[in-house]
Amino acid sequence: MAAADVYDALISKRVYKPAFSHEKAVEIIQEGRGQHFDPAVVDALLAVEDKFMAIADRYRDEE
């Protein structure tokens, strides 16, 4: 769940930061592979990243 939570936090606009792109969020998660995130979890996320993008687009906050 940590990887999904971080992904959502990164692509979401916050009062203290703009939303990052999907590409930037994935890059940040990949940098944490083997340190903050289990490598198998990162690999699984990358295997279905198109689904992550689709879900994020579907539930994106409207401005």
PDB file of N, CA and C in Angstrom:
ATOM      1  N   MET A   1       0.811  -1.193   0.000  1.00  0.00           N
ATOM      2  CA  MET A   1       0.000   0.000   0.000  1.00  0.00           C
ATOM      3  C   MET A   1       0.859   1.263   0.000  1.00  0.00           C
ATOM      4  N   ALA A   2       2.065   1.156   0.518  1.00  0.00           N
ATOM      5  CA  ALA A   2       2.912   2.343   0.594  1.00  0.00           C
ATOM      6  C   ALA A   2       3.187   2.927  -0.788  1.00  0.00           C
ATOM      7  N   ALA A   3       3.470   2.066  -1.753  1.00  0.00           N
ATOM      8  CA  ALA A   3       3.771   2.560  -3.104  1.00  0.00           C
ATOM      9  C   ALA A   3       2.556   3.247  -3.708  1.00  0.00           C
ATOM     10  N   ALA A   4       1.380   2.674  -3.538  1.00  0.00           N
ATOM     11  CA  ALA A   4       0.155   3.285  -4.064  1.00  0.00           C
ATOM     12  C   ALA A   4      -0.125   4.610  -3.363  1.00  0.00           C
ATOM     13  N   ASP A   5       0.087   4.666  -2.062  1.00  0.00           N
ATOM     14  CA  ASP A   5      -0.142   5.893  -1.304  1.00  0.00           C
ATOM     15  C   ASP A   5       0.820   6.995  -1.733  1.00  0.00           C
ATOM     16  N   VAL A   6       2.086   6.644  -1.903  1.00  0.00           N
ATOM     17  CA  VAL A   6       3.082   7.633  -2.337  1.00  0.00           C
ATOM     18  C   VAL A   6       2.757   8.107  -3.756  1.00  0.00           C
ATOM     19  N   TYR A   7       2.387   7.177  -4.629  1.00  0.00           N
ATOM     20  CA  TYR A   7       2.021   7.556  -5.994  1.00  0.00           C
ATOM     21  C   TYR A   7       0.887   8.584  -5.970  1.00  0.00           C
ATOM     22  N   ASP A   8      -0.158   8.290  -5.200  1.00  0.00           N
ATOM     23  CA  ASP A   8      -1.294   9.213  -5.111  1.00  0.00           C
ATOM     24  C   ASP A   8      -0.860  10.570  -4.551  1.00  0.00           C
ATOM     25  N   ALA A   9      -0.053  10.564  -3.523  1.00  0.00           N
ATOM     26  CA  ALA A   9       0.416  11.815  -2.932  1.00  0.00           C
ATOM     27  C   ALA A   9       1.236  12.632  -3.933  1.00  0.00           C
ATOM     28  N   LEU A  10       2.051  11.967  -4.719  1.00  0.00           N
ATOM     29  CA  LEU A  10       2.899  12.672  -5.679  1.00  0.00           C
ATOM     30  C   LEU A  10       2.108  13.279  -6.840  1.00  0.00           C
ATOM     31  N   ILE A  11       1.096  12.565  -7.324  1.00  0.00           N
ATOM     32  CA  ILE A  11       0.359  13.076  -8.487  1.00  0.00           C
ATOM     33  C   ILE A  11      -0.769  14.027  -8.091  1.00  0.00           C
ATOM     34  N   SER A  12      -0.986  14.188  -6.782  1.00  0.00           N
ATOM     35  CA  SER A  12      -2.058  15.060  -6.302  1.00  0.00           C
ATOM     36  C   SER A  12      -1.510  16.425  -5.909  1.00  0.00           C
ATOM     37  N   LYS A  13      -2.242  17.451  -6.257  1.00  0.00           N
ATOM     38  CA  LYS A  13      -1.875  18.802  -5.869  1.00  0.00           C
ATOM     39  C   LYS A  13      -2.126  18.959  -4.372  1.00  0.00           C
ATOM     40  N   ARG A  14      -1.204  19.585  -3.691  1.00  0.00           N
ATOM     41  CA  ARG A  14      -1.339  19.891  -2.275  1.00  0.00           C
ATOM     42  C   ARG A  14      -1.097  21.384  -2.103  1.00  0.00           C
ATOM     43  N   VAL A  15      -1.491  21.917  -0.976  1.00  0.00           N
ATOM     44  CA  VAL A  15      -1.282  23.355  -0.748  1.00  0.00           C
ATOM     45  C   VAL A  15       0.201  23.692  -0.718  1.00  0.00           C
ATOM     46  N   TYR A  16       1.043  22.728  -0.411  1.00  0.00           N
ATOM     47  CA  TYR A  16       2.478  22.954  -0.280  1.00  0.00           C
ATOM     48  C   TYR A  16       3.288  22.506  -1.493  1.00  0.00           C
ATOM     49  N   LYS A  17       2.601  21.930  -2.526  1.00  0.00           N
ATOM     50  CA  LYS A  17       3.331  21.495  -3.719  1.00  0.00           C
ATOM     51  C   LYS A  17       2.367  21.297  -4.882  1.00  0.00           C
ATOM     52  N   PRO A  18       2.873  21.454  -6.090  1.00  0.00           N
ATOM     53  CA  PRO A  18       2.036  21.142  -7.266  1.00  0.00           C
ATOM     54  C   PRO A  18       1.988  19.629  -7.476  1.00  0.00           C
ATOM     55  N   ALA A  19       1.072  19.184  -8.291  1.00  0.00           N
ATOM     56  CA  ALA A  19       0.997  17.760  -8.639  1.00  0.00           C
ATOM     57  C   ALA A  19       2.160  17.419  -9.565  1.00  0.00           C
ATOM     58  N   PHE A  20       2.779  16.269  -9.329  1.00  0.00           N
ATOM     59  CA  PHE A  20       3.814  15.786 -10.221  1.00  0.00           C
ATOM     60  C   PHE A  20       3.167  14.992 -11.353  1.00  0.00           C
ATOM     61  N   SER A  21       3.849  14.886 -12.459  1.00  0.00           N
ATOM     62  CA  SER A  21       3.371  14.059 -13.563  1.00  0.00           C
ATOM     63  C   SER A  21       3.498  12.590 -13.184  1.00  0.00           C
ATOM     64  N   HIS A  22       2.804  11.755 -13.927  1.00  0.00           N
ATOM     65  CA  HIS A  22       2.918  10.307 -13.726  1.00  0.00           C
ATOM     66  C   HIS A  22       4.378   9.881 -13.874  1.00  0.00           C
ATOM     67  N   GLU A  23       5.026  10.385 -14.904  1.00  0.00           N
ATOM     68  CA  GLU A  23       6.424  10.006 -15.171  1.00  0.00           C
ATOM     69  C   GLU A  23       7.334  10.363 -13.996  1.00  0.00           C
ATOM     70  N   LYS A  24       7.154  11.555 -13.442  1.00  0.00           N
ATOM     71  CA  LYS A  24       7.981  11.985 -12.308  1.00  0.00           C
ATOM     72  C   LYS A  24       7.678  11.135 -11.073  1.00  0.00           C
ATOM     73  N   ALA A  25       6.407  10.826 -10.843  1.00  0.00           N
ATOM     74  CA  ALA A  25       6.034   9.997  -9.697  1.00  0.00           C
ATOM     75  C   ALA A  25       6.666   8.617  -9.806  1.00  0.00           C
ATOM     76  N   VAL A  26       6.610   8.023 -10.988  1.00  0.00           N
ATOM     77  CA  VAL A  26       7.216   6.705 -11.196  1.00  0.00           C
ATOM     78  C   VAL A  26       8.725   6.784 -10.997  1.00  0.00           C
ATOM     79  N   GLU A  27       9.344   7.840 -11.481  1.00  0.00           N
ATOM     80  CA  GLU A  27      10.789   8.019 -11.303  1.00  0.00           C
ATOM     81  C   GLU A  27      11.152   8.062  -9.818  1.00  0.00           C
ATOM     82  N   ILE A  28      10.386   8.803  -9.035  1.00  0.00           N
ATOM     83  CA  ILE A  28      10.651   8.918  -7.597  1.00  0.00           C
ATOM     84  C   ILE A  28      10.478   7.564  -6.912  1.00  0.00           C
ATOM     85  N   ILE A  29       9.438   6.838  -7.283  1.00  0.00           N
ATOM     86  CA  ILE A  29       9.210   5.518  -6.696  1.00  0.00           C
ATOM     87  C   ILE A  29      10.335   4.561  -7.084  1.00  0.00           C
ATOM     88  N   GLN A  30      10.778   4.622  -8.335  1.00  0.00           N
ATOM     89  CA  GLN A  30      11.887   3.768  -8.766  1.00  0.00           C
ATOM     90  C   GLN A  30      13.165   4.087  -7.990  1.00  0.00           C
ATOM     91  N   GLU A  31      13.378   5.357  -7.664  1.00  0.00           N
ATOM     92  CA  GLU A  31      14.561   5.736  -6.881  1.00  0.00           C
ATOM     93  C   GLU A  31      14.516   5.121  -5.484  1.00  0.00           C
ATOM     94  N   GLY A  32      13.318   4.855  -4.971  1.00  0.00           N
ATOM     95  CA  GLY A  32      13.172   4.251  -3.653  1.00  0.00           C
ATOM     96  C   GLY A  32      13.141   2.734  -3.664  1.00  0.00           C
ATOM     97  N   ARG A  33      13.301   2.159  -4.842  1.00  0.00           N
ATOM     98  CA  ARG A  33      13.277   0.693  -4.995  1.00  0.00           C
ATOM     99  C   ARG A  33      14.429   0.084  -4.203  1.00  0.00           C
ATOM    100  N   GLY A  34      14.095  -0.853  -3.327  1.00  0.00           N
ATOM    101  CA  GLY A  34      15.118  -1.508  -2.520  1.00  0.00           C
ATOM    102  C   GLY A  34      15.499  -0.748  -1.271  1.00  0.00           C
ATOM    103  N   GLN A  35      14.962   0.458  -1.114  1.00  0.00           N
ATOM    104  CA  GLN A  35      15.237   1.256   0.085  1.00  0.00           C
ATOM    105  C   GLN A  35      13.926   1.512   0.816  1.00  0.00           C
ATOM    106  N   HIS A  36      13.083   2.307   0.215  1.00  0.00           N
ATOM    107  CA  HIS A  36      11.787   2.616   0.816  1.00  0.00           C
ATOM    108  C   HIS A  36      10.727   1.620   0.375  1.00  0.00           C
ATOM    109  N   PHE A  37      10.879   1.067  -0.817  1.00  0.00           N
ATOM    110  CA  PHE A  37       9.892   0.142  -1.376  1.00  0.00           C
ATOM    111  C   PHE A  37      10.520  -1.205  -1.690  1.00  0.00           C
ATOM    112  N   ASP A  38       9.763  -2.253  -1.441  1.00  0.00           N
ATOM    113  CA  ASP A  38      10.172  -3.605  -1.813  1.00  0.00           C
ATOM    114  C   ASP A  38      10.322  -3.651  -3.335  1.00  0.00           C
ATOM    115  N   PRO A  39      11.448  -4.147  -3.845  1.00  0.00           N
ATOM    116  CA  PRO A  39      11.644  -4.203  -5.294  1.00  0.00           C
ATOM    117  C   PRO A  39      10.523  -4.934  -6.032  1.00  0.00           C
ATOM    118  N   ALA A  40       9.979  -5.982  -5.445  1.00  0.00           N
ATOM    119  CA  ALA A  40       8.898  -6.727  -6.098  1.00  0.00           C
ATOM    120  C   ALA A  40       7.641  -5.872  -6.227  1.00  0.00           C
ATOM    121  N   VAL A  41       7.403  -5.014  -5.250  1.00  0.00           N
ATOM    122  CA  VAL A  41       6.234  -4.129  -5.302  1.00  0.00           C
ATOM    123  C   VAL A  41       6.419  -3.086  -6.402  1.00  0.00           C
ATOM    124  N   VAL A  42       7.611  -2.531  -6.503  1.00  0.00           N
ATOM    125  CA  VAL A  42       7.887  -1.554  -7.566  1.00  0.00           C
ATOM    126  C   VAL A  42       7.745  -2.224  -8.930  1.00  0.00           C
ATOM    127  N   ASP A  43       8.265  -3.420  -9.064  1.00  0.00           N
ATOM    128  CA  ASP A  43       8.132  -4.148 -10.331  1.00  0.00           C
ATOM    129  C   ASP A  43       6.666  -4.394 -10.675  1.00  0.00           C
ATOM    130  N   ALA A  44       5.864  -4.742  -9.665  1.00  0.00           N
ATOM    131  CA  ALA A  44       4.432  -4.980  -9.890  1.00  0.00           C
ATOM    132  C   ALA A  44       3.729  -3.695 -10.312  1.00  0.00           C
ATOM    133  N   LEU A  45       4.079  -2.588  -9.677  1.00  0.00           N
ATOM    134  CA  LEU A  45       3.499  -1.297 -10.055  1.00  0.00           C
ATOM    135  C   LEU A  45       3.847  -0.964 -11.504  1.00  0.00           C
ATOM    136  N   LEU A  46       5.082  -1.170 -11.870  1.00  0.00           N
ATOM    137  CA  LEU A  46       5.508  -0.865 -13.234  1.00  0.00           C
ATOM    138  C   LEU A  46       4.817  -1.761 -14.261  1.00  0.00           C
ATOM    139  N   ALA A  47       4.507  -2.986 -13.859  1.00  0.00           N
ATOM    140  CA  ALA A  47       3.838  -3.916 -14.772  1.00  0.00           C
ATOM    141  C   ALA A  47       2.417  -3.488 -15.096  1.00  0.00           C
ATOM    142  N   VAL A  48       1.813  -2.702 -14.200  1.00  0.00           N
ATOM    143  CA  VAL A  48       0.420  -2.267 -14.409  1.00  0.00           C
ATOM    144  C   VAL A  48       0.290  -0.744 -14.343  1.00  0.00           C
ATOM    145  N   GLU A  49       1.364  -0.046 -14.674  1.00  0.00           N
ATOM    146  CA  GLU A  49       1.331   1.411 -14.524  1.00  0.00           C
ATOM    147  C   GLU A  49       0.257   2.071 -15.374  1.00  0.00           C
ATOM    148  N   ASP A  50      -0.108   1.467 -16.490  1.00  0.00           N
ATOM    149  CA  ASP A  50      -1.195   2.031 -17.295  1.00  0.00           C
ATOM    150  C   ASP A  50      -2.512   1.998 -16.523  1.00  0.00           C
ATOM    151  N   LYS A  51      -2.697   0.978 -15.700  1.00  0.00           N
ATOM    152  CA  LYS A  51      -3.902   0.903 -14.865  1.00  0.00           C
ATOM    153  C   LYS A  51      -3.852   1.946 -13.751  1.00  0.00           C
ATOM    154  N   PHE A  52      -2.667   2.175 -13.186  1.00  0.00           N
ATOM    155  CA  PHE A  52      -2.518   3.231 -12.186  1.00  0.00           C
ATOM    156  C   PHE A  52      -2.919   4.581 -12.781  1.00  0.00           C
ATOM    157  N   MET A  53      -2.454   4.851 -13.998  1.00  0.00           N
ATOM    158  CA  MET A  53      -2.781   6.121 -14.657  1.00  0.00           C
ATOM    159  C   MET A  53      -4.280   6.228 -14.906  1.00  0.00           C
ATOM    160  N   ALA A  54      -4.906   5.155 -15.351  1.00  0.00           N
ATOM    161  CA  ALA A  54      -6.347   5.173 -15.645  1.00  0.00           C
ATOM    162  C   ALA A  54      -7.161   5.414 -14.381  1.00  0.00           C
ATOM    163  N   ILE A  55      -6.788   4.756 -13.302  1.00  0.00           N
ATOM    164  CA  ILE A  55      -7.507   4.949 -12.032  1.00  0.00           C
ATOM    165  C   ILE A  55      -7.304   6.372 -11.525  1.00  0.00           C
ATOM    166  N   ALA A  56      -6.083   6.868 -11.608  1.00  0.00           N
ATOM    167  CA  ALA A  56      -5.799   8.237 -11.166  1.00  0.00           C
ATOM    168  C   ALA A  56      -6.599   9.250 -11.981  1.00  0.00           C
ATOM    169  N   ASP A  57      -6.670   9.056 -13.280  1.00  0.00           N
ATOM    170  CA  ASP A  57      -7.442   9.966 -14.132  1.00  0.00           C
ATOM    171  C   ASP A  57      -8.930   9.912 -13.790  1.00  0.00           C
ATOM    172  N   ARG A  58      -9.413   8.721 -13.523  1.00  0.00           N
ATOM    173  CA  ARG A  58     -10.839   8.557 -13.226  1.00  0.00           C
ATOM    174  C   ARG A  58     -11.234   9.265 -11.935  1.00  0.00           C
ATOM    175  N   TYR A  59     -10.383   9.231 -10.941  1.00  0.00           N
ATOM    176  CA  TYR A  59     -10.708   9.789  -9.623  1.00  0.00           C
ATOM    177  C   TYR A  59      -9.998  11.101  -9.298  1.00  0.00           C
ATOM    178  N   ARG A  60      -9.427  11.715 -10.325  1.00  0.00           N
ATOM    179  CA  ARG A  60      -8.705  12.976 -10.128  1.00  0.00           C
ATOM    180  C   ARG A  60      -9.648  14.048  -9.593  1.00  0.00           C
ATOM    181  N   ASP A  61      -9.160  14.836  -8.628  1.00  0.00           N
ATOM    182  CA  ASP A  61      -9.943  15.972  -8.106  1.00  0.00           C
ATOM    183  C   ASP A  61     -10.129  16.995  -9.192  1.00  0.00           C
ATOM    184  N   GLU A  62     -11.327  17.521  -9.285  1.00  0.00           N
ATOM    185  CA  GLU A  62     -11.585  18.590 -10.254  1.00  0.00           C
ATOM    186  C   GLU A  62     -11.256  19.916  -9.585  1.00  0.00           C
ATOM    187  N   GLU A  63     -10.709  20.817 -10.380  1.00  0.00           N
ATOM    188  CA  GLU A  63     -10.319  22.115  -9.820  1.00  0.00           C
ATOM    189  C   GLU A  63     -11.354  23.155 -10.099  1.00  0.00           C
TER     190      GLU A  63
END
